């Protein structure tokens, strides 16, 4: 064999290997692209479902769970209407206290990140997720009551831990 042929053969082998590797990487890229497109489609479907729910909620009247004349909805409207006392919070479970506190945010359209809260409020007919920050929408009374509930939750939790096994 001549020297030219000896040089050309390894070059051809490298080109063949390179094209094979490129096909493998193209296939993996294609799989990744498909996975990304599937996830994107899933997110768009969720967004569409939320928008449909929002439109449905806006068109339904009267609002379920609304107290007559107050315009406040949900299972714990008192958190937005009156100053809470310890008596209002006593004998409530951890979950009930948590719902009381978070229902205020839900009424203002907070989009919950925690699955258990998001799932709970999404099934409420009045809940319309709109924003990731609703702090500016809270009234001074709501802020005060939320803090009261938080204090009570931490107090009950600390007292329970003292006597639990």
N, C-alpha and C. Protein backbone atom coordinates (compact mmCIF):
# COMPACT_ATOMS: atom_id res chain seq x y z
N UNK A 1 0.83 -1.17 0.00
CA UNK A 1 0.00 0.00 0.00
C UNK A 1 0.88 1.24 0.00
N UNK A 2 0.33 2.18 -0.62
CA UNK A 2 1.08 3.43 -0.67
C UNK A 2 0.77 4.26 0.57
N UNK A 3 1.59 5.23 0.77
CA UNK A 3 1.46 6.09 1.94
C UNK A 3 0.14 6.87 1.93
N UNK A 4 -0.31 7.26 0.74
CA UNK A 4 -1.55 7.99 0.62
C UNK A 4 -2.73 7.16 1.11
N UNK A 5 -2.73 5.87 0.71
CA UNK A 5 -3.82 4.99 1.11
C UNK A 5 -3.80 4.76 2.61
N UNK A 6 -2.64 4.68 3.22
CA UNK A 6 -2.54 4.48 4.65
C UNK A 6 -3.08 5.68 5.42
N UNK A 7 -2.97 6.84 4.88
CA UNK A 7 -3.48 8.04 5.53
C UNK A 7 -4.99 8.17 5.31
N UNK A 8 -5.45 7.83 4.12
CA UNK A 8 -6.87 7.98 3.78
C UNK A 8 -7.73 7.01 4.57
N UNK A 9 -7.30 5.80 4.80
CA UNK A 9 -8.10 4.78 5.48
C UNK A 9 -8.45 5.24 6.91
N UNK A 10 -7.49 5.67 7.74
CA UNK A 10 -7.89 6.15 9.08
C UNK A 10 -8.82 7.37 9.04
N UNK A 11 -8.59 8.23 8.04
CA UNK A 11 -9.46 9.41 7.91
C UNK A 11 -10.89 8.96 7.59
N UNK A 12 -11.03 8.01 6.71
CA UNK A 12 -12.36 7.50 6.37
C UNK A 12 -13.01 6.83 7.58
N UNK A 13 -12.22 6.07 8.33
CA UNK A 13 -12.75 5.43 9.53
C UNK A 13 -13.23 6.47 10.54
N UNK A 14 -12.47 7.52 10.71
CA UNK A 14 -12.86 8.59 11.62
C UNK A 14 -14.16 9.26 11.16
N UNK A 15 -14.28 9.48 9.87
CA UNK A 15 -15.50 10.09 9.35
C UNK A 15 -16.71 9.19 9.57
N UNK A 16 -16.53 7.89 9.37
CA UNK A 16 -17.63 6.95 9.58
C UNK A 16 -18.05 6.92 11.05
N UNK A 17 -17.06 6.84 11.93
CA UNK A 17 -17.35 6.84 13.37
C UNK A 17 -18.02 8.14 13.79
N UNK A 18 -17.54 9.23 13.25
CA UNK A 18 -18.11 10.53 13.57
C UNK A 18 -19.56 10.62 13.14
N UNK A 19 -19.87 10.13 11.96
CA UNK A 19 -21.26 10.19 11.49
C UNK A 19 -22.15 9.27 12.32
N UNK A 20 -21.63 8.13 12.79
CA UNK A 20 -22.41 7.23 13.65
C UNK A 20 -22.70 7.92 14.99
N UNK A 21 -21.69 8.55 15.55
CA UNK A 21 -21.88 9.26 16.82
C UNK A 21 -22.88 10.41 16.68
N UNK A 22 -22.82 11.06 15.52
CA UNK A 22 -23.73 12.16 15.27
C UNK A 22 -25.17 11.66 15.21
N UNK A 23 -25.38 10.48 14.59
CA UNK A 23 -26.72 9.91 14.52
C UNK A 23 -27.22 9.58 15.93
N UNK A 24 -26.34 9.00 16.76
CA UNK A 24 -26.72 8.68 18.14
C UNK A 24 -27.10 9.94 18.91
N UNK A 25 -26.26 10.98 18.75
CA UNK A 25 -26.55 12.22 19.47
C UNK A 25 -27.81 12.88 18.92
N UNK A 26 -28.04 12.78 17.61
CA UNK A 26 -29.27 13.32 17.02
C UNK A 26 -30.49 12.61 17.58
N UNK A 27 -30.39 11.27 17.74
CA UNK A 27 -31.51 10.50 18.28
C UNK A 27 -31.78 10.90 19.73
N UNK A 28 -30.70 11.05 20.53
CA UNK A 28 -30.91 11.43 21.93
C UNK A 28 -31.45 12.86 22.03
N UNK A 29 -30.98 13.74 21.13
CA UNK A 29 -31.49 15.09 21.10
C UNK A 29 -32.97 15.09 20.72
N UNK A 30 -33.33 14.26 19.76
CA UNK A 30 -34.72 14.16 19.35
C UNK A 30 -35.58 13.65 20.49
N UNK A 31 -35.10 12.67 21.25
CA UNK A 31 -35.86 12.16 22.39
C UNK A 31 -36.04 13.26 23.43
N UNK A 32 -34.96 14.01 23.69
CA UNK A 32 -35.05 15.11 24.65
C UNK A 32 -36.03 16.17 24.17
N UNK A 33 -35.97 16.48 22.88
CA UNK A 33 -36.90 17.47 22.32
C UNK A 33 -38.35 17.01 22.48
N UNK A 34 -38.59 15.73 22.22
CA UNK A 34 -39.94 15.19 22.38
C UNK A 34 -40.40 15.27 23.82
N UNK A 35 -39.52 14.93 24.76
CA UNK A 35 -39.86 14.99 26.17
C UNK A 35 -40.18 16.43 26.58
N UNK A 36 -39.36 17.37 26.10
CA UNK A 36 -39.62 18.78 26.41
C UNK A 36 -40.94 19.25 25.83
N UNK A 37 -41.23 18.83 24.60
CA UNK A 37 -42.48 19.23 23.97
C UNK A 37 -43.68 18.63 24.71
N UNK A 38 -43.54 17.40 25.18
CA UNK A 38 -44.61 16.77 25.95
C UNK A 38 -44.86 17.53 27.26
N UNK A 39 -43.77 17.90 27.94
CA UNK A 39 -43.91 18.65 29.19
C UNK A 39 -44.54 20.02 28.93
N UNK A 40 -44.11 20.67 27.85
CA UNK A 40 -44.66 21.97 27.51
C UNK A 40 -46.16 21.86 27.21
N UNK A 41 -46.55 20.81 26.49
CA UNK A 41 -47.95 20.58 26.18
C UNK A 41 -48.75 20.34 27.46
N UNK A 42 -48.18 19.56 28.37
CA UNK A 42 -48.84 19.29 29.65
C UNK A 42 -49.06 20.58 30.44
N UNK A 43 -48.04 21.44 30.47
CA UNK A 43 -48.17 22.73 31.17
C UNK A 43 -49.23 23.62 30.53
N UNK A 44 -49.26 23.62 29.20
CA UNK A 44 -50.27 24.43 28.51
C UNK A 44 -51.67 23.90 28.79
N UNK A 45 -51.81 22.57 28.88
CA UNK A 45 -53.12 21.99 29.20
C UNK A 45 -53.55 22.39 30.61
N UNK A 46 -52.61 22.37 31.55
CA UNK A 46 -52.92 22.79 32.92
C UNK A 46 -53.35 24.26 32.95
N UNK A 47 -52.59 25.08 32.23
CA UNK A 47 -52.91 26.51 32.18
C UNK A 47 -54.30 26.73 31.59
N UNK A 48 -54.62 25.99 30.55
CA UNK A 48 -55.93 26.10 29.93
C UNK A 48 -57.03 25.68 30.90
N UNK A 49 -56.77 24.59 31.64
CA UNK A 49 -57.76 24.12 32.62
C UNK A 49 -57.99 25.18 33.69
N UNK A 50 -56.91 25.83 34.16
CA UNK A 50 -57.05 26.89 35.15
C UNK A 50 -57.83 28.08 34.60
N UNK A 51 -57.57 28.44 33.34
CA UNK A 51 -58.28 29.56 32.74
C UNK A 51 -59.76 29.23 32.56
N UNK A 52 -60.06 27.97 32.17
CA UNK A 52 -61.45 27.56 32.04
C UNK A 52 -62.15 27.63 33.40
N UNK A 53 -61.46 27.16 34.44
CA UNK A 53 -62.03 27.21 35.78
C UNK A 53 -62.29 28.65 36.19
N UNK A 54 -61.34 29.53 35.88
CA UNK A 54 -61.48 30.95 36.22
C UNK A 54 -62.70 31.55 35.54
N UNK A 55 -62.87 31.26 34.25
CA UNK A 55 -64.03 31.77 33.52
C UNK A 55 -65.33 31.20 34.09
N UNK A 56 -65.30 29.93 34.41
CA UNK A 56 -66.47 29.28 34.98
C UNK A 56 -66.85 29.92 36.31
N UNK A 57 -65.84 30.19 37.13
CA UNK A 57 -66.09 30.81 38.44
C UNK A 57 -66.61 32.23 38.31
N UNK A 58 -66.11 32.97 37.33
CA UNK A 58 -66.55 34.35 37.15
C UNK A 58 -68.01 34.40 36.69
N UNK A 59 -68.40 33.40 35.89
CA UNK A 59 -69.75 33.42 35.35
C UNK A 59 -70.78 32.85 36.32
N UNK A 60 -70.33 32.04 37.29
CA UNK A 60 -71.29 31.45 38.22
C UNK A 60 -71.65 32.45 39.30
N UNK A 61 -72.94 32.54 39.61
CA UNK A 61 -73.41 33.46 40.63
C UNK A 61 -74.68 32.91 41.22
N UNK A 62 -74.95 32.97 42.49
CA UNK A 62 -74.10 33.53 43.52
C UNK A 62 -72.93 32.61 43.83
N UNK A 63 -71.94 33.15 44.49
CA UNK A 63 -70.74 32.40 44.79
C UNK A 63 -71.01 31.43 45.94
N UNK A 64 -70.60 30.16 45.75
CA UNK A 64 -70.79 29.17 46.80
C UNK A 64 -69.96 29.53 48.02
N UNK A 65 -70.53 29.37 49.19
CA UNK A 65 -69.81 29.65 50.43
C UNK A 65 -69.80 31.11 50.82
N UNK A 66 -70.51 31.93 50.09
CA UNK A 66 -70.52 33.37 50.39
C UNK A 66 -71.48 33.67 51.53
N UNK A 67 -71.06 34.52 52.41
CA UNK A 67 -71.93 34.97 53.49
C UNK A 67 -72.76 36.13 52.96
N UNK A 68 -74.06 36.08 53.18
CA UNK A 68 -74.94 37.12 52.65
C UNK A 68 -74.49 38.51 53.07
N UNK A 69 -74.33 39.36 52.07
CA UNK A 69 -74.01 40.75 52.33
C UNK A 69 -72.54 41.03 52.62
N UNK A 70 -71.73 40.01 52.85
CA UNK A 70 -70.34 40.27 53.22
C UNK A 70 -69.41 40.25 52.02
N UNK A 71 -69.77 39.48 50.98
CA UNK A 71 -68.88 39.34 49.84
C UNK A 71 -67.69 38.45 50.14
N UNK A 72 -67.67 37.83 51.33
CA UNK A 72 -66.55 36.98 51.72
C UNK A 72 -66.96 35.52 51.55
N UNK A 73 -66.06 34.74 50.98
CA UNK A 73 -66.37 33.36 50.64
C UNK A 73 -65.46 32.40 51.40
N UNK A 74 -65.85 31.14 51.41
CA UNK A 74 -65.03 30.11 52.00
C UNK A 74 -65.62 29.57 53.29
N UNK A 75 -64.88 28.66 53.92
CA UNK A 75 -65.33 28.02 55.15
C UNK A 75 -64.98 28.85 56.39
N UNK A 76 -64.03 29.75 56.28
CA UNK A 76 -63.57 30.54 57.43
C UNK A 76 -63.59 32.03 57.09
N UNK A 77 -64.75 32.58 56.74
CA UNK A 77 -64.80 33.99 56.35
C UNK A 77 -64.48 34.93 57.50
N UNK A 78 -64.66 34.44 58.73
CA UNK A 78 -64.42 35.30 59.89
C UNK A 78 -62.99 35.82 59.95
N UNK A 79 -62.06 35.11 59.31
CA UNK A 79 -60.66 35.55 59.33
C UNK A 79 -60.52 36.89 58.60
N UNK A 80 -61.39 37.14 57.64
CA UNK A 80 -61.36 38.40 56.91
C UNK A 80 -62.34 39.44 57.44
N UNK A 81 -63.24 39.01 58.35
CA UNK A 81 -64.32 39.90 58.78
C UNK A 81 -64.18 40.44 60.20
N UNK A 82 -63.64 39.62 61.11
CA UNK A 82 -63.56 40.06 62.51
C UNK A 82 -62.21 39.71 63.10
N UNK A 83 -61.87 40.40 64.17
CA UNK A 83 -60.62 40.11 64.86
C UNK A 83 -60.77 38.79 65.60
N UNK A 84 -59.87 37.86 65.33
CA UNK A 84 -59.94 36.53 65.94
C UNK A 84 -59.48 36.56 67.40
N UNK A 85 -60.10 35.71 68.18
CA UNK A 85 -59.69 35.53 69.57
C UNK A 85 -59.20 34.10 69.73
N UNK A 86 -58.62 33.81 70.88
CA UNK A 86 -58.17 32.45 71.16
C UNK A 86 -59.35 31.49 71.10
N UNK A 87 -60.50 31.93 71.54
CA UNK A 87 -61.70 31.08 71.50
C UNK A 87 -62.06 30.67 70.07
N UNK A 88 -61.78 31.54 69.10
CA UNK A 88 -62.05 31.23 67.70
C UNK A 88 -61.12 30.13 67.18
N UNK A 89 -59.97 30.00 67.82
CA UNK A 89 -58.95 29.07 67.33
C UNK A 89 -58.90 27.77 68.13
N UNK A 90 -59.44 27.79 69.32
CA UNK A 90 -59.38 26.60 70.17
C UNK A 90 -60.13 25.44 69.53
N UNK A 91 -59.67 24.24 69.84
CA UNK A 91 -60.30 22.99 69.38
C UNK A 91 -60.29 22.81 67.87
N UNK A 92 -59.40 23.53 67.20
CA UNK A 92 -59.22 23.33 65.76
C UNK A 92 -58.00 22.45 65.56
N UNK A 93 -58.06 21.58 64.55
CA UNK A 93 -56.92 20.73 64.24
C UNK A 93 -55.84 21.55 63.55
N UNK A 94 -54.66 20.97 63.44
CA UNK A 94 -53.57 21.65 62.71
C UNK A 94 -54.02 21.98 61.29
N UNK A 95 -54.70 21.02 60.66
CA UNK A 95 -55.14 21.21 59.27
C UNK A 95 -56.17 22.34 59.18
N UNK A 96 -57.10 22.40 60.12
CA UNK A 96 -58.11 23.47 60.11
C UNK A 96 -57.46 24.84 60.29
N UNK A 97 -56.50 24.92 61.20
CA UNK A 97 -55.79 26.19 61.40
C UNK A 97 -55.04 26.59 60.13
N UNK A 98 -54.43 25.61 59.52
CA UNK A 98 -53.68 25.88 58.28
C UNK A 98 -54.63 26.36 57.18
N UNK A 99 -55.80 25.73 57.07
CA UNK A 99 -56.78 26.15 56.07
C UNK A 99 -57.31 27.55 56.37
N UNK A 100 -57.58 27.82 57.63
CA UNK A 100 -58.06 29.16 58.01
C UNK A 100 -57.08 30.23 57.53
N UNK A 101 -55.83 29.98 57.81
CA UNK A 101 -54.78 30.95 57.47
C UNK A 101 -54.65 31.10 55.96
N UNK A 102 -54.65 29.99 55.26
CA UNK A 102 -54.40 30.03 53.82
C UNK A 102 -55.63 30.39 53.00
N UNK A 103 -56.81 30.24 53.60
CA UNK A 103 -58.03 30.62 52.88
C UNK A 103 -58.04 32.12 52.57
N UNK A 104 -57.45 32.91 53.44
CA UNK A 104 -57.36 34.35 53.19
C UNK A 104 -56.58 34.59 51.90
N UNK A 105 -55.46 33.92 51.76
CA UNK A 105 -54.65 34.07 50.55
C UNK A 105 -55.42 33.57 49.33
N UNK A 106 -56.13 32.46 49.50
CA UNK A 106 -56.90 31.88 48.39
C UNK A 106 -57.98 32.84 47.91
N UNK A 107 -58.64 33.52 48.85
CA UNK A 107 -59.68 34.48 48.47
C UNK A 107 -59.12 35.60 47.60
N UNK A 108 -57.86 35.90 47.79
CA UNK A 108 -57.21 36.96 47.00
C UNK A 108 -56.56 36.40 45.73
N UNK A 109 -56.72 35.09 45.48
CA UNK A 109 -56.24 34.51 44.23
C UNK A 109 -54.81 34.01 44.25
N UNK A 110 -54.28 33.75 45.45
CA UNK A 110 -52.89 33.27 45.54
C UNK A 110 -52.77 31.90 44.86
N UNK A 111 -51.69 31.72 44.10
CA UNK A 111 -51.40 30.45 43.44
C UNK A 111 -50.51 29.65 44.37
N UNK A 112 -51.05 28.59 44.94
CA UNK A 112 -50.34 27.79 45.92
C UNK A 112 -49.31 26.88 45.26
N UNK A 113 -48.14 26.79 45.90
CA UNK A 113 -47.06 25.94 45.41
C UNK A 113 -47.11 24.56 46.04
N UNK A 114 -47.55 24.49 47.29
CA UNK A 114 -47.62 23.20 47.98
C UNK A 114 -48.80 22.40 47.44
N UNK A 115 -48.55 21.16 47.02
CA UNK A 115 -49.61 20.37 46.37
C UNK A 115 -50.86 20.18 47.23
N UNK A 116 -50.69 19.95 48.54
CA UNK A 116 -51.87 19.69 49.36
C UNK A 116 -52.78 20.92 49.45
N UNK A 117 -52.21 22.10 49.51
CA UNK A 117 -53.03 23.32 49.55
C UNK A 117 -53.59 23.64 48.16
N UNK A 118 -52.75 23.49 47.15
CA UNK A 118 -53.21 23.75 45.78
C UNK A 118 -54.39 22.83 45.44
N UNK A 119 -54.25 21.53 45.75
CA UNK A 119 -55.31 20.57 45.45
C UNK A 119 -56.59 20.89 46.23
N UNK A 120 -56.43 21.26 47.50
CA UNK A 120 -57.60 21.58 48.32
C UNK A 120 -58.36 22.78 47.74
N UNK A 121 -57.63 23.85 47.44
CA UNK A 121 -58.32 25.06 47.00
C UNK A 121 -58.81 24.97 45.56
N UNK A 122 -58.16 24.17 44.72
CA UNK A 122 -58.63 24.03 43.34
C UNK A 122 -60.02 23.41 43.26
N UNK A 123 -60.39 22.63 44.27
CA UNK A 123 -61.73 22.03 44.21
C UNK A 123 -62.79 22.94 44.83
N UNK A 124 -62.39 24.08 45.37
CA UNK A 124 -63.35 25.04 45.90
C UNK A 124 -63.94 25.83 44.74
N UNK A 125 -65.25 25.92 44.68
CA UNK A 125 -65.91 26.55 43.53
C UNK A 125 -65.56 28.04 43.41
N UNK A 126 -65.20 28.67 44.49
CA UNK A 126 -64.96 30.11 44.50
C UNK A 126 -63.50 30.49 44.22
N UNK A 127 -62.60 29.52 44.27
CA UNK A 127 -61.17 29.82 44.17
C UNK A 127 -60.77 30.08 42.72
N UNK A 128 -60.11 31.23 42.51
CA UNK A 128 -59.60 31.59 41.20
C UNK A 128 -58.12 31.96 41.34
N UNK A 129 -57.21 31.03 40.99
CA UNK A 129 -55.77 31.33 41.11
C UNK A 129 -55.36 32.41 40.12
N UNK A 130 -54.70 33.47 40.65
CA UNK A 130 -54.35 34.59 39.78
C UNK A 130 -52.94 35.10 39.94
N UNK A 131 -52.36 34.97 41.15
CA UNK A 131 -51.09 35.64 41.40
C UNK A 131 -50.24 34.85 42.39
N UNK A 132 -48.93 35.01 42.27
CA UNK A 132 -48.01 34.37 43.20
C UNK A 132 -47.68 35.27 44.39
N UNK A 133 -48.16 36.52 44.35
CA UNK A 133 -47.92 37.44 45.46
C UNK A 133 -49.18 38.28 45.68
N UNK A 134 -49.87 38.03 46.78
CA UNK A 134 -51.09 38.77 47.09
C UNK A 134 -50.96 39.57 48.38
N UNK A 135 -49.76 39.67 48.91
CA UNK A 135 -49.55 40.37 50.18
C UNK A 135 -50.08 41.80 50.17
N UNK A 136 -49.96 42.47 49.04
CA UNK A 136 -50.44 43.86 48.95
C UNK A 136 -51.97 43.94 48.98
N UNK A 137 -52.64 42.83 48.72
CA UNK A 137 -54.10 42.81 48.70
C UNK A 137 -54.71 42.53 50.07
N UNK A 138 -53.90 42.04 51.00
CA UNK A 138 -54.41 41.70 52.33
C UNK A 138 -54.76 42.97 53.11
N UNK A 139 -55.87 42.90 53.82
CA UNK A 139 -56.26 44.03 54.68
C UNK A 139 -55.46 43.95 55.98
N UNK A 140 -55.37 45.06 56.70
CA UNK A 140 -54.68 45.03 58.00
C UNK A 140 -55.28 43.98 58.95
N UNK A 141 -56.61 43.85 58.93
CA UNK A 141 -57.28 42.86 59.78
C UNK A 141 -56.86 41.44 59.39
N UNK A 142 -56.81 41.18 58.09
CA UNK A 142 -56.40 39.84 57.63
C UNK A 142 -54.96 39.55 58.04
N UNK A 143 -54.09 40.54 57.89
CA UNK A 143 -52.69 40.34 58.28
C UNK A 143 -52.58 40.04 59.77
N UNK A 144 -53.33 40.79 60.58
CA UNK A 144 -53.31 40.60 62.03
C UNK A 144 -53.83 39.20 62.39
N UNK A 145 -54.92 38.78 61.75
CA UNK A 145 -55.49 37.46 62.04
C UNK A 145 -54.58 36.33 61.58
N UNK A 146 -53.91 36.51 60.47
CA UNK A 146 -52.96 35.50 59.99
C UNK A 146 -51.84 35.33 61.01
N UNK A 147 -51.33 36.44 61.53
CA UNK A 147 -50.29 36.37 62.55
C UNK A 147 -50.80 35.70 63.82
N UNK A 148 -52.04 36.01 64.19
CA UNK A 148 -52.66 35.39 65.37
C UNK A 148 -52.73 33.87 65.19
N UNK A 149 -53.15 33.44 64.01
CA UNK A 149 -53.25 31.99 63.73
C UNK A 149 -51.86 31.35 63.78
N UNK A 150 -50.87 32.01 63.20
CA UNK A 150 -49.50 31.48 63.21
C UNK A 150 -49.00 31.31 64.64
N UNK A 151 -49.24 32.34 65.47
CA UNK A 151 -48.81 32.25 66.87
C UNK A 151 -49.50 31.09 67.58
N UNK A 152 -50.78 30.95 67.32
CA UNK A 152 -51.54 29.88 67.96
C UNK A 152 -51.05 28.51 67.48
N UNK A 153 -50.77 28.40 66.17
CA UNK A 153 -50.25 27.14 65.62
C UNK A 153 -48.93 26.76 66.29
N UNK A 154 -48.03 27.72 66.44
CA UNK A 154 -46.73 27.41 67.05
C UNK A 154 -46.89 27.10 68.54
N UNK A 155 -47.81 27.80 69.22
CA UNK A 155 -48.05 27.53 70.64
C UNK A 155 -48.61 26.12 70.81
N UNK A 156 -49.63 25.78 70.06
CA UNK A 156 -50.24 24.46 70.16
C UNK A 156 -49.22 23.38 69.82
N UNK A 157 -48.44 23.62 68.78
CA UNK A 157 -47.42 22.64 68.39
C UNK A 157 -46.40 22.43 69.49
N UNK A 158 -45.97 23.51 70.15
CA UNK A 158 -44.97 23.38 71.21
C UNK A 158 -45.57 22.69 72.43
N UNK A 159 -46.83 23.00 72.74
CA UNK A 159 -47.49 22.35 73.90
C UNK A 159 -47.73 20.88 73.63
N UNK A 160 -48.10 20.55 72.41
CA UNK A 160 -48.34 19.16 72.05
C UNK A 160 -47.05 18.36 72.15
N UNK A 161 -45.96 18.95 71.68
CA UNK A 161 -44.67 18.24 71.71
C UNK A 161 -44.22 17.95 73.14
N UNK A 162 -44.60 18.82 74.10
CA UNK A 162 -44.22 18.58 75.49
C UNK A 162 -44.84 17.31 76.04
N UNK A 163 -46.09 17.06 75.64
CA UNK A 163 -46.83 15.96 76.23
C UNK A 163 -46.95 14.74 75.33
N UNK A 164 -46.44 14.84 74.14
CA UNK A 164 -46.52 13.67 73.24
C UNK A 164 -45.39 12.69 73.54
N UNK A 165 -45.52 11.49 73.06
CA UNK A 165 -44.50 10.46 73.32
C UNK A 165 -43.47 10.44 72.24
